Amino acid sequence: MVKKETIKGRVVSNKMDKTVVVAVDTFSRHPLYKKAMRRVRKYMAHDEGNACNVGDTVEIIEVRPLSRRKRWCVVTRVEGQGGGVVLDEGGEQ
């Protein structure tokens, strides 16, 4: 069985039904100038119970394609209102 990737990020939008947009920050150094660069990548993630709010830190996991842009699912809410709540993975194992 292939191990699925999990990443942590911050919820930046929860306006859609059962979907949140999660921004993941990565830091790296420029290859020539050695300046620290911050890159932000946004992922659409499935949130079955609409439990996540803007500003929450969540952990997301890779899943099968759920729609055109959704390939991630919220596993747990790390920080935020009622932190540490385990959320439904949408039937994925």
C-alpha atoms as a PDB file:
ATOM      1  CA  MET A   1       0.000   0.000   0.000  1.00  0.00           C
ATOM      2  CA  VAL A   2       1.275   3.459  -0.870  1.00  0.00           C
ATOM      3  CA  LYS A   3       1.730   5.898   2.022  1.00  0.00           C
ATOM      4  CA  LYS A   4      -0.365   9.001   1.444  1.00  0.00           C
ATOM      5  CA  GLU A   5       1.179  12.404   1.982  1.00  0.00           C
ATOM      6  CA  THR A   6      -0.053  14.581   4.852  1.00  0.00           C
ATOM      7  CA  ILE A   7       0.652  18.296   5.210  1.00  0.00           C
ATOM      8  CA  LYS A   8      -0.288  21.045   7.652  1.00  0.00           C
ATOM      9  CA  GLY A   9      -1.676  24.394   6.608  1.00  0.00           C
ATOM     10  CA  ARG A  10      -3.913  27.311   7.498  1.00  0.00           C
ATOM     11  CA  VAL A  11      -7.552  27.624   6.403  1.00  0.00           C
ATOM     12  CA  VAL A  12      -7.978  30.797   4.325  1.00  0.00           C
ATOM     13  CA  SER A  13     -11.536  30.254   3.045  1.00  0.00           C
ATOM     14  CA  ASN A  14     -14.542  28.186   4.082  1.00  0.00           C
ATOM     15  CA  LYS A  15     -17.235  29.793   1.914  1.00  0.00           C
ATOM     16  CA  MET A  16     -17.936  26.644  -0.103  1.00  0.00           C
ATOM     17  CA  ASP A  17     -20.097  23.785   1.128  1.00  0.00           C
ATOM     18  CA  LYS A  18     -17.980  20.897   2.510  1.00  0.00           C
ATOM     19  CA  THR A  19     -14.799  22.473   1.087  1.00  0.00           C
ATOM     20  CA  VAL A  20     -12.050  24.597   2.614  1.00  0.00           C
ATOM     21  CA  VAL A  21      -9.069  26.279   0.992  1.00  0.00           C
ATOM     22  CA  VAL A  22      -5.839  25.522   2.867  1.00  0.00           C
ATOM     23  CA  ALA A  23      -2.693  27.632   2.371  1.00  0.00           C
ATOM     24  CA  VAL A  24       0.599  25.796   2.946  1.00  0.00           C
ATOM     25  CA  ASP A  25       3.749  27.882   3.473  1.00  0.00           C
ATOM     26  CA  THR A  26       7.142  26.539   2.422  1.00  0.00           C
ATOM     27  CA  PHE A  27      10.442  28.259   3.041  1.00  0.00           C
ATOM     28  CA  SER A  28      13.566  27.805   0.940  1.00  0.00           C
ATOM     29  CA  ARG A  29      16.702  29.705  -0.016  1.00  0.00           C
ATOM     30  CA  HIS A  30      17.296  31.240  -3.419  1.00  0.00           C
ATOM     31  CA  PRO A  31      19.951  29.140  -5.201  1.00  0.00           C
ATOM     32  CA  LEU A  32      22.098  32.127  -6.225  1.00  0.00           C
ATOM     33  CA  TYR A  33      21.353  34.963  -3.811  1.00  0.00           C
ATOM     34  CA  LYS A  34      20.682  32.817  -0.709  1.00  0.00           C
ATOM     35  CA  LYS A  35      17.755  34.991   0.365  1.00  0.00           C
ATOM     36  CA  ALA A  36      14.994  33.196   2.266  1.00  0.00           C
ATOM     37  CA  MET A  37      11.901  32.868   0.094  1.00  0.00           C
ATOM     38  CA  ARG A  38       8.395  32.060   1.275  1.00  0.00           C
ATOM     39  CA  ARG A  39       6.128  30.230  -1.160  1.00  0.00           C
ATOM     40  CA  VAL A  40       2.417  29.762  -0.545  1.00  0.00           C
ATOM     41  CA  ARG A  41       0.490  26.976  -2.225  1.00  0.00           C
ATOM     42  CA  LYS A  42      -3.280  26.656  -1.887  1.00  0.00           C
ATOM     43  CA  TYR A  43      -5.111  23.328  -1.767  1.00  0.00           C
ATOM     44  CA  MET A  44      -8.841  22.663  -1.840  1.00  0.00           C
ATOM     45  CA  ALA A  45      -9.692  20.096   0.813  1.00  0.00           C
ATOM     46  CA  HIS A  46     -12.874  18.191   1.641  1.00  0.00           C
ATOM     47  CA  ASP A  47     -14.401  19.119   5.026  1.00  0.00           C
ATOM     48  CA  GLU A  48     -17.376  16.810   5.519  1.00  0.00           C
ATOM     49  CA  GLY A  49     -18.900  18.464   8.581  1.00  0.00           C
ATOM     50  CA  ASN A  50     -18.112  22.097   7.696  1.00  0.00           C
ATOM     51  CA  ALA A  51     -16.216  22.177  11.004  1.00  0.00           C
ATOM     52  CA  CYS A  52     -13.208  24.295   9.983  1.00  0.00           C
ATOM     53  CA  ASN A  53     -13.149  28.075  10.222  1.00  0.00           C
ATOM     54  CA  VAL A  54     -10.844  30.695   8.710  1.00  0.00           C
ATOM     55  CA  GLY A  55      -7.575  30.834  10.656  1.00  0.00           C
ATOM     56  CA  ASP A  56      -7.636  27.219  11.876  1.00  0.00           C
ATOM     57  CA  THR A  57      -4.522  25.117  11.403  1.00  0.00           C
ATOM     58  CA  VAL A  58      -5.446  21.765   9.872  1.00  0.00           C
ATOM     59  CA  GLU A  59      -3.766  18.596   8.668  1.00  0.00           C
ATOM     60  CA  ILE A  60      -4.797  17.361   5.220  1.00  0.00           C
ATOM     61  CA  ILE A  61      -4.183  14.031   3.482  1.00  0.00           C
ATOM     62  CA  GLU A  62      -4.126  12.945  -0.150  1.00  0.00           C
ATOM     63  CA  VAL A  63      -7.252  11.150  -1.364  1.00  0.00           C
ATOM     64  CA  ARG A  64      -8.758  10.069  -4.655  1.00  0.00           C
ATOM     65  CA  PRO A  65     -10.069  12.891  -6.877  1.00  0.00           C
ATOM     66  CA  LEU A  66     -13.313  14.179  -5.364  1.00  0.00           C
ATOM     67  CA  SER A  67     -13.910  16.911  -7.952  1.00  0.00           C
ATOM     68  CA  ARG A  68     -11.943  18.857 -10.568  1.00  0.00           C
ATOM     69  CA  ARG A  69      -9.637  20.529  -8.029  1.00  0.00           C
ATOM     70  CA  LYS A  70     -10.211  18.594  -4.773  1.00  0.00           C
ATOM     71  CA  ARG A  71      -7.654  15.855  -4.096  1.00  0.00           C
ATOM     72  CA  TRP A  72      -7.177  16.435  -0.352  1.00  0.00           C
ATOM     73  CA  CYS A  73      -9.262  15.789   2.749  1.00  0.00           C
ATOM     74  CA  VAL A  74      -9.100  17.381   6.221  1.00  0.00           C
ATOM     75  CA  VAL A  75      -7.956  14.817   8.813  1.00  0.00           C
ATOM     76  CA  THR A  76      -7.598  16.839  12.035  1.00  0.00           C
ATOM     77  CA  ARG A  77      -7.857  20.404  13.207  1.00  0.00           C
ATOM     78  CA  VAL A  78      -4.595  21.140  15.027  1.00  0.00           C
ATOM     79  CA  GLU A  79      -5.347  24.673  16.285  1.00  0.00           C
ATOM     80  CA  GLY A  80      -8.470  26.780  16.383  1.00  0.00           C
ATOM     81  CA  GLN A  81     -11.804  26.649  18.137  1.00  0.00           C
ATOM     82  CA  GLY A  82     -11.986  23.302  19.917  1.00  0.00           C
ATOM     83  CA  GLY A  83      -8.501  22.282  18.721  1.00  0.00           C
ATOM     84  CA  GLY A  84      -7.529  18.641  18.322  1.00  0.00           C
ATOM     85  CA  VAL A  85     -10.904  17.518  16.997  1.00  0.00           C
ATOM     86  CA  VAL A  86     -10.726  14.471  14.727  1.00  0.00           C
ATOM     87  CA  LEU A  87     -12.797  15.045  11.590  1.00  0.00           C
ATOM     88  CA  ASP A  88     -14.322  12.543   9.194  1.00  0.00           C
ATOM     89  CA  GLU A  89     -12.076  11.621   6.252  1.00  0.00           C
ATOM     90  CA  GLY A  90     -14.962  11.274   3.833  1.00  0.00           C
ATOM     91  CA  GLY A  91     -14.829   7.463   3.742  1.00  0.00           C
ATOM     92  CA  GLU A  92     -11.156   7.281   2.745  1.00  0.00           C
ATOM     93  CA  GLN A  93      -8.668   5.089   4.574  1.00  0.00           C
END
